Amino acid sequence: MQAPMTEPLGTPAPSSAHACLPWWALVLPALTFAALLLLAFGPTAASASGGPVLPQLLERVQQTLGHHPG
């Protein structure tokens, strides 16, 4: 007596590294990141401090990660 053949679950993974992603899988995270940057460092934040944005961004990242320059 033979065991019945069953179909594999799902679809097999692509064999190459060139798997196609839908366009929105790349665009939505990029737009979300850009929107968060604008909220954090928008024109009002830049004009209020009067300084360049990049050092402020790096300082906030360091504060978030818990690294305090000493």
PDB file of N, CA and C in Angstrom:
ATOM      1  N   MET A   1       0.836  -1.169   0.000  1.00  0.00           N
ATOM      2  CA  MET A   1       0.000   0.000   0.000  1.00  0.00           C
ATOM      3  C   MET A   1       0.888   1.240   0.000  1.00  0.00           C
ATOM      4  N   GLN A   2       0.614   2.184  -0.893  1.00  0.00           N
ATOM      5  CA  GLN A   2       1.403   3.407  -1.014  1.00  0.00           C
ATOM      6  C   GLN A   2       0.725   4.567  -0.289  1.00  0.00           C
ATOM      7  N   ALA A   3       1.576   5.477   0.230  1.00  0.00           N
ATOM      8  CA  ALA A   3       1.038   6.679   0.858  1.00  0.00           C
ATOM      9  C   ALA A   3       0.516   7.602  -0.236  1.00  0.00           C
ATOM     10  N   PRO A   4      -0.589   8.281   0.006  1.00  0.00           N
ATOM     11  CA  PRO A   4      -1.130   9.179  -1.029  1.00  0.00           C
ATOM     12  C   PRO A   4      -0.192  10.364  -1.256  1.00  0.00           C
ATOM     13  N   MET A   5      -0.105  10.805  -2.492  1.00  0.00           N
ATOM     14  CA  MET A   5       0.728  11.955  -2.854  1.00  0.00           C
ATOM     15  C   MET A   5       0.001  13.233  -2.444  1.00  0.00           C
ATOM     16  N   THR A   6       0.724  14.130  -1.824  1.00  0.00           N
ATOM     17  CA  THR A   6       0.124  15.404  -1.441  1.00  0.00           C
ATOM     18  C   THR A   6       0.836  16.534  -2.161  1.00  0.00           C
ATOM     19  N   GLU A   7       0.127  17.597  -2.381  1.00  0.00           N
ATOM     20  CA  GLU A   7       0.691  18.777  -3.032  1.00  0.00           C
ATOM     21  C   GLU A   7       1.480  19.573  -1.993  1.00  0.00           C
ATOM     22  N   PRO A   8       2.630  20.161  -2.379  1.00  0.00           N
ATOM     23  CA  PRO A   8       3.376  20.983  -1.431  1.00  0.00           C
ATOM     24  C   PRO A   8       2.593  22.254  -1.086  1.00  0.00           C
ATOM     25  N   LEU A   9       2.764  22.720   0.135  1.00  0.00           N
ATOM     26  CA  LEU A   9       2.080  23.934   0.567  1.00  0.00           C
ATOM     27  C   LEU A   9       2.775  25.154   0.000  1.00  0.00           C
ATOM     28  N   GLY A  10       2.013  26.108  -0.483  1.00  0.00           N
ATOM     29  CA  GLY A  10       2.576  27.355  -1.002  1.00  0.00           C
ATOM     30  C   GLY A  10       3.301  27.150  -2.319  1.00  0.00           C
ATOM     31  N   THR A  11       4.015  28.170  -2.702  1.00  0.00           N
ATOM     32  CA  THR A  11       4.796  28.096  -3.931  1.00  0.00           C
ATOM     33  C   THR A  11       6.262  28.009  -3.554  1.00  0.00           C
ATOM     34  N   PRO A  12       7.048  27.354  -4.348  1.00  0.00           N
ATOM     35  CA  PRO A  12       8.473  27.244  -4.022  1.00  0.00           C
ATOM     36  C   PRO A  12       9.162  28.602  -4.111  1.00  0.00           C
ATOM     37  N   ALA A  13      10.197  28.771  -3.330  1.00  0.00           N
ATOM     38  CA  ALA A  13      10.962  30.013  -3.337  1.00  0.00           C
ATOM     39  C   ALA A  13      11.711  30.133  -4.666  1.00  0.00           C
ATOM     40  N   PRO A  14      11.879  31.346  -5.149  1.00  0.00           N
ATOM     41  CA  PRO A  14      12.631  31.505  -6.394  1.00  0.00           C
ATOM     42  C   PRO A  14      14.072  31.028  -6.215  1.00  0.00           C
ATOM     43  N   SER A  15      14.590  30.425  -7.257  1.00  0.00           N
ATOM     44  CA  SER A  15      15.930  29.847  -7.163  1.00  0.00           C
ATOM     45  C   SER A  15      17.034  30.876  -7.373  1.00  0.00           C
ATOM     46  N   SER A  16      16.681  32.046  -7.865  1.00  0.00           N
ATOM     47  CA  SER A  16      17.709  33.062  -8.096  1.00  0.00           C
ATOM     48  C   SER A  16      17.494  34.240  -7.152  1.00  0.00           C
ATOM     49  N   ALA A  17      18.474  35.114  -7.109  1.00  0.00           N
ATOM     50  CA  ALA A  17      18.389  36.287  -6.247  1.00  0.00           C
ATOM     51  C   ALA A  17      17.585  37.409  -6.895  1.00  0.00           C
ATOM     52  N   HIS A  18      17.061  37.198  -8.070  1.00  0.00           N
ATOM     53  CA  HIS A  18      16.332  38.223  -8.801  1.00  0.00           C
ATOM     54  C   HIS A  18      14.832  38.066  -8.618  1.00  0.00           C
ATOM     55  N   ALA A  19      14.391  37.962  -7.383  1.00  0.00           N
ATOM     56  CA  ALA A  19      12.960  37.865  -7.120  1.00  0.00           C
ATOM     57  C   ALA A  19      12.327  39.229  -7.367  1.00  0.00           C
ATOM     58  N   CYS A  20      11.198  39.242  -8.009  1.00  0.00           N
ATOM     59  CA  CYS A  20      10.520  40.501  -8.338  1.00  0.00           C
ATOM     60  C   CYS A  20       9.623  40.923  -7.187  1.00  0.00           C
ATOM     61  N   LEU A  21       9.759  42.172  -6.788  1.00  0.00           N
ATOM     62  CA  LEU A  21       8.898  42.746  -5.777  1.00  0.00           C
ATOM     63  C   LEU A  21       7.924  43.691  -6.452  1.00  0.00           C
ATOM     64  N   PRO A  22       6.735  43.824  -5.898  1.00  0.00           N
ATOM     65  CA  PRO A  22       5.825  44.828  -6.453  1.00  0.00           C
ATOM     66  C   PRO A  22       6.398  46.226  -6.215  1.00  0.00           C
ATOM     67  N   TRP A  23       5.999  47.174  -7.037  1.00  0.00           N
ATOM     68  CA  TRP A  23       6.554  48.517  -6.967  1.00  0.00           C
ATOM     69  C   TRP A  23       6.309  49.145  -5.607  1.00  0.00           C
ATOM     70  N   TRP A  24       5.176  48.875  -5.001  1.00  0.00           N
ATOM     71  CA  TRP A  24       4.836  49.510  -3.736  1.00  0.00           C
ATOM     72  C   TRP A  24       5.663  48.964  -2.574  1.00  0.00           C
ATOM     73  N   ALA A  25       6.264  47.791  -2.737  1.00  0.00           N
ATOM     74  CA  ALA A  25       7.079  47.223  -1.662  1.00  0.00           C
ATOM     75  C   ALA A  25       8.354  48.030  -1.462  1.00  0.00           C
ATOM     76  N   LEU A  26       8.785  48.763  -2.451  1.00  0.00           N
ATOM     77  CA  LEU A  26       9.957  49.625  -2.335  1.00  0.00           C
ATOM     78  C   LEU A  26       9.581  51.084  -2.107  1.00  0.00           C
ATOM     79  N   VAL A  27       8.474  51.518  -2.716  1.00  0.00           N
ATOM     80  CA  VAL A  27       8.104  52.925  -2.652  1.00  0.00           C
ATOM     81  C   VAL A  27       7.500  53.300  -1.299  1.00  0.00           C
ATOM     82  N   LEU A  28       6.634  52.470  -0.750  1.00  0.00           N
ATOM     83  CA  LEU A  28       5.973  52.827   0.503  1.00  0.00           C
ATOM     84  C   LEU A  28       6.936  53.003   1.679  1.00  0.00           C
ATOM     85  N   PRO A  29       7.895  52.109   1.900  1.00  0.00           N
ATOM     86  CA  PRO A  29       8.840  52.375   2.989  1.00  0.00           C
ATOM     87  C   PRO A  29       9.667  53.641   2.766  1.00  0.00           C
ATOM     88  N   ALA A  30      10.044  53.909   1.523  1.00  0.00           N
ATOM     89  CA  ALA A  30      10.820  55.122   1.237  1.00  0.00           C
ATOM     90  C   ALA A  30       9.988  56.376   1.505  1.00  0.00           C
ATOM     91  N   LEU A  31       8.721  56.361   1.114  1.00  0.00           N
ATOM     92  CA  LEU A  31       7.848  57.507   1.371  1.00  0.00           C
ATOM     93  C   LEU A  31       7.600  57.692   2.866  1.00  0.00           C
ATOM     94  N   THR A  32       7.438  56.592   3.573  1.00  0.00           N
ATOM     95  CA  THR A  32       7.222  56.670   5.012  1.00  0.00           C
ATOM     96  C   THR A  32       8.445  57.264   5.704  1.00  0.00           C
ATOM     97  N   PHE A  33       9.628  56.824   5.314  1.00  0.00           N
ATOM     98  CA  PHE A  33      10.865  57.354   5.887  1.00  0.00           C
ATOM     99  C   PHE A  33      10.994  58.846   5.594  1.00  0.00           C
ATOM    100  N   ALA A  34      10.702  59.247   4.368  1.00  0.00           N
ATOM    101  CA  ALA A  34      10.794  60.660   4.005  1.00  0.00           C
ATOM    102  C   ALA A  34       9.782  61.489   4.797  1.00  0.00           C
ATOM    103  N   ALA A  35       8.568  60.961   4.989  1.00  0.00           N
ATOM    104  CA  ALA A  35       7.559  61.688   5.756  1.00  0.00           C
ATOM    105  C   ALA A  35       7.985  61.848   7.213  1.00  0.00           C
ATOM    106  N   LEU A  36       8.583  60.810   7.792  1.00  0.00           N
ATOM    107  CA  LEU A  36       9.051  60.919   9.170  1.00  0.00           C
ATOM    108  C   LEU A  36      10.191  61.928   9.297  1.00  0.00           C
ATOM    109  N   LEU A  37      11.086  61.957   8.320  1.00  0.00           N
ATOM    110  CA  LEU A  37      12.156  62.956   8.343  1.00  0.00           C
ATOM    111  C   LEU A  37      11.595  64.370   8.247  1.00  0.00           C
ATOM    112  N   LEU A  38      10.576  64.555   7.398  1.00  0.00           N
ATOM    113  CA  LEU A  38       9.973  65.885   7.281  1.00  0.00           C
ATOM    114  C   LEU A  38       9.271  66.288   8.566  1.00  0.00           C
ATOM    115  N   LEU A  39       8.649  65.326   9.242  1.00  0.00           N
ATOM    116  CA  LEU A  39       8.007  65.650  10.511  1.00  0.00           C
ATOM    117  C   LEU A  39       9.039  66.020  11.573  1.00  0.00           C
ATOM    118  N   ALA A  40      10.144  65.300  11.591  1.00  0.00           N
ATOM    119  CA  ALA A  40      11.159  65.552  12.601  1.00  0.00           C
ATOM    120  C   ALA A  40      11.972  66.805  12.286  1.00  0.00           C
ATOM    121  N   PHE A  41      12.294  67.019  11.028  1.00  0.00           N
ATOM    122  CA  PHE A  41      13.166  68.120  10.628  1.00  0.00           C
ATOM    123  C   PHE A  41      12.554  68.915   9.489  1.00  0.00           C
ATOM    124  N   GLY A  42      11.338  69.339   9.660  1.00  0.00           N
ATOM    125  CA  GLY A  42      10.659  70.121   8.632  1.00  0.00           C
ATOM    126  C   GLY A  42      11.159  71.551   8.618  1.00  0.00           C
ATOM    127  N   PRO A  43      10.570  72.380   7.785  1.00  0.00           N
ATOM    128  CA  PRO A  43      10.998  73.776   7.687  1.00  0.00           C
ATOM    129  C   PRO A  43      10.855  74.525   9.016  1.00  0.00           C
ATOM    130  N   THR A  44       9.875  74.197   9.821  1.00  0.00           N
ATOM    131  CA  THR A  44       9.698  74.891  11.091  1.00  0.00           C
ATOM    132  C   THR A  44      10.807  74.539  12.065  1.00  0.00           C
ATOM    133  N   ALA A  45      11.231  73.286  12.085  1.00  0.00           N
ATOM    134  CA  ALA A  45      12.313  72.881  12.979  1.00  0.00           C
ATOM    135  C   ALA A  45      13.637  73.504  12.551  1.00  0.00           C
ATOM    136  N   ALA A  46      13.871  73.584  11.254  1.00  0.00           N
ATOM    137  CA  ALA A  46      15.126  74.151  10.763  1.00  0.00           C
ATOM    138  C   ALA A  46      15.176  75.655  11.015  1.00  0.00           C
ATOM    139  N   SER A  47      14.062  76.347  10.815  1.00  0.00           N
ATOM    140  CA  SER A  47      14.071  77.789  11.019  1.00  0.00           C
ATOM    141  C   SER A  47      14.097  78.143  12.494  1.00  0.00           C
ATOM    142  N   ALA A  48      13.561  77.299  13.344  1.00  0.00           N
ATOM    143  CA  ALA A  48      13.549  77.574  14.775  1.00  0.00           C
ATOM    144  C   ALA A  48      14.955  77.477  15.363  1.00  0.00           C
ATOM    145  N   SER A  49      15.720  76.509  14.909  1.00  0.00           N
ATOM    146  CA  SER A  49      17.055  76.335  15.480  1.00  0.00           C
ATOM    147  C   SER A  49      18.095  77.157  14.744  1.00  0.00           C
ATOM    148  N   GLY A  50      17.893  77.370  13.462  1.00  0.00           N
ATOM    149  CA  GLY A  50      18.813  78.157  12.670  1.00  0.00           C
ATOM    150  C   GLY A  50      20.081  77.424  12.273  1.00  0.00           C
ATOM    151  N   GLY A  51      20.231  76.156  12.675  1.00  0.00           N
ATOM    152  CA  GLY A  51      21.437  75.406  12.368  1.00  0.00           C
ATOM    153  C   GLY A  51      21.213  74.402  11.251  1.00  0.00           C
ATOM    154  N   PRO A  52      22.298  73.764  10.818  1.00  0.00           N
ATOM    155  CA  PRO A  52      22.169  72.735   9.778  1.00  0.00           C
ATOM    156  C   PRO A  52      21.427  71.508  10.310  1.00  0.00           C
ATOM    157  N   VAL A  53      20.768  70.821   9.424  1.00  0.00           N
ATOM    158  CA  VAL A  53      19.893  69.717   9.815  1.00  0.00           C
ATOM    159  C   VAL A  53      20.676  68.438  10.096  1.00  0.00           C
ATOM    160  N   LEU A  54      21.729  68.159   9.356  1.00  0.00           N
ATOM    161  CA  LEU A  54      22.442  66.888   9.505  1.00  0.00           C
ATOM    162  C   LEU A  54      23.024  66.687  10.903  1.00  0.00           C
ATOM    163  N   PRO A  55      23.701  67.672  11.485  1.00  0.00           N
ATOM    164  CA  PRO A  55      24.185  67.458  12.859  1.00  0.00           C
ATOM    165  C   PRO A  55      23.054  67.224  13.861  1.00  0.00           C
ATOM    166  N   GLN A  56      21.923  67.901  13.662  1.00  0.00           N
ATOM    167  CA  GLN A  56      20.771  67.686  14.539  1.00  0.00           C
ATOM    168  C   GLN A  56      20.254  66.257  14.406  1.00  0.00           C
ATOM    169  N   LEU A  57      20.199  65.769  13.171  1.00  0.00           N
ATOM    170  CA  LEU A  57      19.735  64.412  12.929  1.00  0.00           C
ATOM    171  C   LEU A  57      20.652  63.398  13.595  1.00  0.00           C
ATOM    172  N   LEU A  58      21.951  63.581  13.433  1.00  0.00           N
ATOM    173  CA  LEU A  58      22.905  62.657  14.047  1.00  0.00           C
ATOM    174  C   LEU A  58      22.825  62.696  15.571  1.00  0.00           C
ATOM    175  N   GLU A  59      22.618  63.879  16.129  1.00  0.00           N
ATOM    176  CA  GLU A  59      22.493  63.999  17.582  1.00  0.00           C
ATOM    177  C   GLU A  59      21.250  63.270  18.083  1.00  0.00           C
ATOM    178  N   ARG A  60      20.146  63.406  17.368  1.00  0.00           N
ATOM    179  CA  ARG A  60      18.919  62.716  17.781  1.00  0.00           C
ATOM    180  C   ARG A  60      19.058  61.206  17.657  1.00  0.00           C
ATOM    181  N   VAL A  61      19.753  60.746  16.625  1.00  0.00           N
ATOM    182  CA  VAL A  61      19.969  59.310  16.473  1.00  0.00           C
ATOM    183  C   VAL A  61      20.813  58.789  17.628  1.00  0.00           C
ATOM    184  N   GLN A  62      21.847  59.526  17.997  1.00  0.00           N
ATOM    185  CA  GLN A  62      22.691  59.124  19.126  1.00  0.00           C
ATOM    186  C   GLN A  62      21.891  59.106  20.422  1.00  0.00           C
ATOM    187  N   GLN A  63      21.032  60.088  20.623  1.00  0.00           N
ATOM    188  CA  GLN A  63      20.202  60.127  21.825  1.00  0.00           C
ATOM    189  C   GLN A  63      19.237  58.950  21.852  1.00  0.00           C
ATOM    190  N   THR A  64      18.684  58.635  20.696  1.00  0.00           N
ATOM    191  CA  THR A  64      17.745  57.510  20.619  1.00  0.00           C
ATOM    192  C   THR A  64      18.425  56.195  20.915  1.00  0.00           C
ATOM    193  N   LEU A  65      19.651  56.031  20.441  1.00  0.00           N
ATOM    194  CA  LEU A  65      20.388  54.782  20.663  1.00  0.00           C
ATOM    195  C   LEU A  65      21.009  54.731  22.049  1.00  0.00           C
ATOM    196  N   GLY A  66      20.956  55.824  22.792  1.00  0.00           N
ATOM    197  CA  GLY A  66      21.483  55.829  24.137  1.00  0.00           C
ATOM    198  C   GLY A  66      22.934  56.233  24.238  1.00  0.00           C
ATOM    199  N   HIS A  67      23.522  56.723  23.158  1.00  0.00           N
ATOM    200  CA  HIS A  67      24.910  57.163  23.169  1.00  0.00           C
ATOM    201  C   HIS A  67      24.925  58.662  23.396  1.00  0.00           C
ATOM    202  N   HIS A  68      25.421  59.067  24.521  1.00  0.00           N
ATOM    203  CA  HIS A  68      25.488  60.489  24.833  1.00  0.00           C
ATOM    204  C   HIS A  68      26.921  60.969  24.693  1.00  0.00           C
ATOM    205  N   PRO A  69      27.136  61.958  23.822  1.00  0.00           N
ATOM    206  CA  PRO A  69      28.500  62.467  23.672  1.00  0.00           C
ATOM    207  C   PRO A  69      28.955  63.105  24.985  1.00  0.00           C
ATOM    208  N   GLY A  70      30.166  62.793  25.369  1.00  0.00           N
ATOM    209  CA  GLY A  70      30.582  63.286  26.657  1.00  0.00           C
ATOM    210  C   GLY A  70      31.859  63.965  26.573  1.00  0.00           C
TER     211      GLY A  70
END
